[in-house]
Protein backbone atom coordinates (compact mmCIF):
# COMPACT_ATOMS: atom_id res chain seq x y z
CA UNK A 1 0.00 0.00 0.00
CA UNK A 2 1.35 3.41 -0.96
CA UNK A 3 2.02 6.01 1.70
CA UNK A 4 0.69 9.56 1.43
CA UNK A 5 4.08 10.72 0.14
CA UNK A 6 4.07 8.07 -2.60
CA UNK A 7 0.54 8.77 -3.88
CA UNK A 8 0.17 11.14 -6.81
CA UNK A 9 -0.92 14.63 -5.81
CA UNK A 10 -3.59 16.53 -7.71
CA UNK A 11 -2.48 19.47 -9.78
CA UNK A 12 -4.61 22.63 -9.53
CA UNK A 13 -4.52 24.86 -12.59
CA UNK A 14 -6.61 27.32 -14.56
CA UNK A 15 -9.21 25.79 -16.86
CA UNK A 16 -8.44 25.57 -20.57
CA UNK A 17 -10.79 25.32 -23.54
CA UNK A 18 -9.95 21.64 -24.04
CA UNK A 19 -11.23 20.96 -20.48
CA UNK A 20 -14.79 21.83 -21.54
CA UNK A 21 -16.08 18.25 -22.05
CA UNK A 22 -14.79 17.05 -18.66
CA UNK A 23 -15.99 20.16 -16.80
CA UNK A 24 -19.40 19.91 -18.44
CA UNK A 25 -19.68 16.27 -17.36
CA UNK A 26 -18.71 17.08 -13.77
CA UNK A 27 -21.08 20.05 -13.62
CA UNK A 28 -24.02 18.22 -15.22
CA UNK A 29 -23.57 15.27 -12.84
CA UNK A 30 -23.80 17.72 -9.93
CA UNK A 31 -26.99 19.25 -11.38
CA UNK A 32 -28.59 15.86 -11.96
CA UNK A 33 -27.70 14.64 -8.45
CA UNK A 34 -28.64 17.95 -6.80
CA UNK A 35 -25.67 17.63 -4.46
CA UNK A 36 -23.12 20.31 -5.28
CA UNK A 37 -24.84 23.19 -7.06
CA UNK A 38 -27.95 25.33 -6.82
CA UNK A 39 -28.16 25.40 -10.62
CA UNK A 40 -30.84 23.30 -12.25
CA UNK A 41 -29.97 23.66 -15.93
CA UNK A 42 -27.57 21.32 -17.69
CA UNK A 43 -24.70 22.92 -19.65
CA UNK A 44 -23.77 22.35 -23.26
CA UNK A 45 -20.17 22.18 -24.49
CA UNK A 46 -20.45 25.68 -26.09
CA UNK A 47 -21.76 27.10 -22.79
CA UNK A 48 -18.89 25.51 -20.88
CA UNK A 49 -16.35 26.85 -23.39
CA UNK A 50 -17.89 30.31 -23.02
CA UNK A 51 -17.52 30.15 -19.21
CA UNK A 52 -13.89 29.10 -19.57
CA UNK A 53 -13.24 31.99 -21.99
CA UNK A 54 -14.92 34.43 -19.59
CA UNK A 55 -12.76 33.17 -16.71
CA UNK A 56 -9.63 33.62 -18.81
CA UNK A 57 -10.58 37.28 -19.40
CA UNK A 58 -11.64 38.15 -15.84
CA UNK A 59 -9.06 37.50 -13.11
CA UNK A 60 -11.72 38.22 -10.45
CA UNK A 61 -13.80 35.20 -11.59
CA UNK A 62 -11.31 32.37 -12.11
CA UNK A 63 -12.18 28.79 -12.97
CA UNK A 64 -9.79 26.13 -11.70
CA UNK A 65 -9.57 22.42 -12.37
CA UNK A 66 -8.12 19.64 -10.27
CA UNK A 67 -6.17 17.20 -12.38
CA UNK A 68 -4.88 13.79 -11.29
CA UNK A 69 -2.50 12.10 -13.75
CA UNK A 70 -3.94 14.13 -16.70
CA UNK A 71 -7.54 13.28 -15.65
CA UNK A 72 -9.71 16.30 -14.80
CA UNK A 73 -11.46 15.23 -11.61
CA UNK A 74 -12.82 18.45 -10.12
CA UNK A 75 -13.48 22.13 -10.59
CA UNK A 76 -14.04 25.28 -8.62
CA UNK A 77 -15.25 28.67 -9.83
CA UNK A 78 -15.14 31.90 -7.88
CA UNK A 79 -18.25 33.90 -8.70
CA UNK A 80 -19.99 36.96 -7.29
CA UNK A 81 -22.70 36.60 -4.67
CA UNK A 82 -26.04 35.51 -6.13
CA UNK A 83 -29.18 37.09 -4.66
CA UNK A 84 -31.42 34.13 -5.53
CA UNK A 85 -33.11 32.54 -2.54
CA UNK A 86 -32.88 28.75 -2.33
CA UNK A 87 -35.63 27.29 -0.21
CA UNK A 88 -35.81 30.02 2.40
CA UNK A 89 -33.62 32.49 4.19
CA UNK A 90 -30.47 31.49 5.99
CA UNK A 91 -31.27 30.65 9.58
CA UNK A 92 -34.82 29.48 8.90
CA UNK A 93 -35.48 26.04 10.15
C-alpha atoms as a PDB file:
ATOM      1  CA  UNK A   1       0.000   0.000   0.000  1.00  0.00           C
ATOM      2  CA  UNK A   2       1.351   3.414  -0.964  1.00  0.00           C
ATOM      3  CA  UNK A   3       2.023   6.005   1.699  1.00  0.00           C
ATOM      4  CA  UNK A   4       0.689   9.557   1.430  1.00  0.00           C
ATOM      5  CA  UNK A   5       4.081  10.717   0.142  1.00  0.00           C
ATOM      6  CA  UNK A   6       4.071   8.069  -2.604  1.00  0.00           C
ATOM      7  CA  UNK A   7       0.544   8.766  -3.884  1.00  0.00           C
ATOM      8  CA  UNK A   8       0.171  11.141  -6.812  1.00  0.00           C
ATOM      9  CA  UNK A   9      -0.919  14.630  -5.809  1.00  0.00           C
ATOM     10  CA  UNK A  10      -3.587  16.529  -7.706  1.00  0.00           C
ATOM     11  CA  UNK A  11      -2.479  19.467  -9.782  1.00  0.00           C
ATOM     12  CA  UNK A  12      -4.614  22.628  -9.533  1.00  0.00           C
ATOM     13  CA  UNK A  13      -4.525  24.860 -12.591  1.00  0.00           C
ATOM     14  CA  UNK A  14      -6.608  27.322 -14.565  1.00  0.00           C
ATOM     15  CA  UNK A  15      -9.206  25.789 -16.861  1.00  0.00           C
ATOM     16  CA  UNK A  16      -8.439  25.570 -20.574  1.00  0.00           C
ATOM     17  CA  UNK A  17     -10.793  25.323 -23.536  1.00  0.00           C
ATOM     18  CA  UNK A  18      -9.949  21.638 -24.039  1.00  0.00           C
ATOM     19  CA  UNK A  19     -11.225  20.960 -20.483  1.00  0.00           C
ATOM     20  CA  UNK A  20     -14.790  21.832 -21.537  1.00  0.00           C
ATOM     21  CA  UNK A  21     -16.079  18.249 -22.049  1.00  0.00           C
ATOM     22  CA  UNK A  22     -14.785  17.050 -18.661  1.00  0.00           C
ATOM     23  CA  UNK A  23     -15.991  20.162 -16.799  1.00  0.00           C
ATOM     24  CA  UNK A  24     -19.399  19.910 -18.445  1.00  0.00           C
ATOM     25  CA  UNK A  25     -19.682  16.270 -17.363  1.00  0.00           C
ATOM     26  CA  UNK A  26     -18.708  17.078 -13.769  1.00  0.00           C
ATOM     27  CA  UNK A  27     -21.082  20.052 -13.620  1.00  0.00           C
ATOM     28  CA  UNK A  28     -24.017  18.218 -15.222  1.00  0.00           C
ATOM     29  CA  UNK A  29     -23.568  15.269 -12.843  1.00  0.00           C
ATOM     30  CA  UNK A  30     -23.803  17.718  -9.926  1.00  0.00           C
ATOM     31  CA  UNK A  31     -26.991  19.248 -11.377  1.00  0.00           C
ATOM     32  CA  UNK A  32     -28.594  15.856 -11.956  1.00  0.00           C
ATOM     33  CA  UNK A  33     -27.695  14.645  -8.449  1.00  0.00           C
ATOM     34  CA  UNK A  34     -28.638  17.952  -6.802  1.00  0.00           C
ATOM     35  CA  UNK A  35     -25.667  17.626  -4.461  1.00  0.00           C
ATOM     36  CA  UNK A  36     -23.122  20.308  -5.277  1.00  0.00           C
ATOM     37  CA  UNK A  37     -24.839  23.187  -7.063  1.00  0.00           C
ATOM     38  CA  UNK A  38     -27.952  25.327  -6.824  1.00  0.00           C
ATOM     39  CA  UNK A  39     -28.155  25.404 -10.622  1.00  0.00           C
ATOM     40  CA  UNK A  40     -30.837  23.304 -12.245  1.00  0.00           C
ATOM     41  CA  UNK A  41     -29.972  23.661 -15.928  1.00  0.00           C
ATOM     42  CA  UNK A  42     -27.566  21.325 -17.688  1.00  0.00           C
ATOM     43  CA  UNK A  43     -24.705  22.917 -19.646  1.00  0.00           C
ATOM     44  CA  UNK A  44     -23.772  22.346 -23.260  1.00  0.00           C
ATOM     45  CA  UNK A  45     -20.173  22.184 -24.491  1.00  0.00           C
ATOM     46  CA  UNK A  46     -20.452  25.675 -26.094  1.00  0.00           C
ATOM     47  CA  UNK A  47     -21.762  27.105 -22.791  1.00  0.00           C
ATOM     48  CA  UNK A  48     -18.885  25.512 -20.880  1.00  0.00           C
ATOM     49  CA  UNK A  49     -16.347  26.846 -23.391  1.00  0.00           C
ATOM     50  CA  UNK A  50     -17.891  30.309 -23.016  1.00  0.00           C
ATOM     51  CA  UNK A  51     -17.522  30.145 -19.214  1.00  0.00           C
ATOM     52  CA  UNK A  52     -13.886  29.103 -19.568  1.00  0.00           C
ATOM     53  CA  UNK A  53     -13.238  31.986 -21.986  1.00  0.00           C
ATOM     54  CA  UNK A  54     -14.917  34.434 -19.595  1.00  0.00           C
ATOM     55  CA  UNK A  55     -12.762  33.172 -16.713  1.00  0.00           C
ATOM     56  CA  UNK A  56      -9.625  33.621 -18.814  1.00  0.00           C
ATOM     57  CA  UNK A  57     -10.576  37.277 -19.403  1.00  0.00           C
ATOM     58  CA  UNK A  58     -11.638  38.151 -15.841  1.00  0.00           C
ATOM     59  CA  UNK A  59      -9.061  37.495 -13.106  1.00  0.00           C
ATOM     60  CA  UNK A  60     -11.721  38.217 -10.448  1.00  0.00           C
ATOM     61  CA  UNK A  61     -13.805  35.202 -11.595  1.00  0.00           C
ATOM     62  CA  UNK A  62     -11.312  32.373 -12.108  1.00  0.00           C
ATOM     63  CA  UNK A  63     -12.182  28.792 -12.973  1.00  0.00           C
ATOM     64  CA  UNK A  64      -9.794  26.134 -11.698  1.00  0.00           C
ATOM     65  CA  UNK A  65      -9.574  22.418 -12.370  1.00  0.00           C
ATOM     66  CA  UNK A  66      -8.117  19.640 -10.273  1.00  0.00           C
ATOM     67  CA  UNK A  67      -6.166  17.201 -12.382  1.00  0.00           C
ATOM     68  CA  UNK A  68      -4.881  13.788 -11.292  1.00  0.00           C
ATOM     69  CA  UNK A  69      -2.505  12.103 -13.754  1.00  0.00           C
ATOM     70  CA  UNK A  70      -3.939  14.127 -16.696  1.00  0.00           C
ATOM     71  CA  UNK A  71      -7.538  13.276 -15.654  1.00  0.00           C
ATOM     72  CA  UNK A  72      -9.713  16.301 -14.805  1.00  0.00           C
ATOM     73  CA  UNK A  73     -11.458  15.230 -11.613  1.00  0.00           C
ATOM     74  CA  UNK A  74     -12.819  18.453 -10.117  1.00  0.00           C
ATOM     75  CA  UNK A  75     -13.478  22.129 -10.593  1.00  0.00           C
ATOM     76  CA  UNK A  76     -14.043  25.277  -8.619  1.00  0.00           C
ATOM     77  CA  UNK A  77     -15.254  28.667  -9.827  1.00  0.00           C
ATOM     78  CA  UNK A  78     -15.140  31.902  -7.882  1.00  0.00           C
ATOM     79  CA  UNK A  79     -18.248  33.901  -8.697  1.00  0.00           C
ATOM     80  CA  UNK A  80     -19.994  36.961  -7.285  1.00  0.00           C
ATOM     81  CA  UNK A  81     -22.705  36.604  -4.671  1.00  0.00           C
ATOM     82  CA  UNK A  82     -26.036  35.513  -6.132  1.00  0.00           C
ATOM     83  CA  UNK A  83     -29.176  37.094  -4.664  1.00  0.00           C
ATOM     84  CA  UNK A  84     -31.416  34.133  -5.528  1.00  0.00           C
ATOM     85  CA  UNK A  85     -33.112  32.535  -2.535  1.00  0.00           C
ATOM     86  CA  UNK A  86     -32.877  28.747  -2.328  1.00  0.00           C
ATOM     87  CA  UNK A  87     -35.627  27.286  -0.206  1.00  0.00           C
ATOM     88  CA  UNK A  88     -35.810  30.022   2.403  1.00  0.00           C
ATOM     89  CA  UNK A  89     -33.622  32.493   4.186  1.00  0.00           C
ATOM     90  CA  UNK A  90     -30.466  31.491   5.994  1.00  0.00           C
ATOM     91  CA  UNK A  91     -31.267  30.646   9.577  1.00  0.00           C
ATOM     92  CA  UNK A  92     -34.821  29.478   8.900  1.00  0.00           C
ATOM     93  CA  UNK A  93     -35.481  26.045  10.147  1.00  0.00           C
END
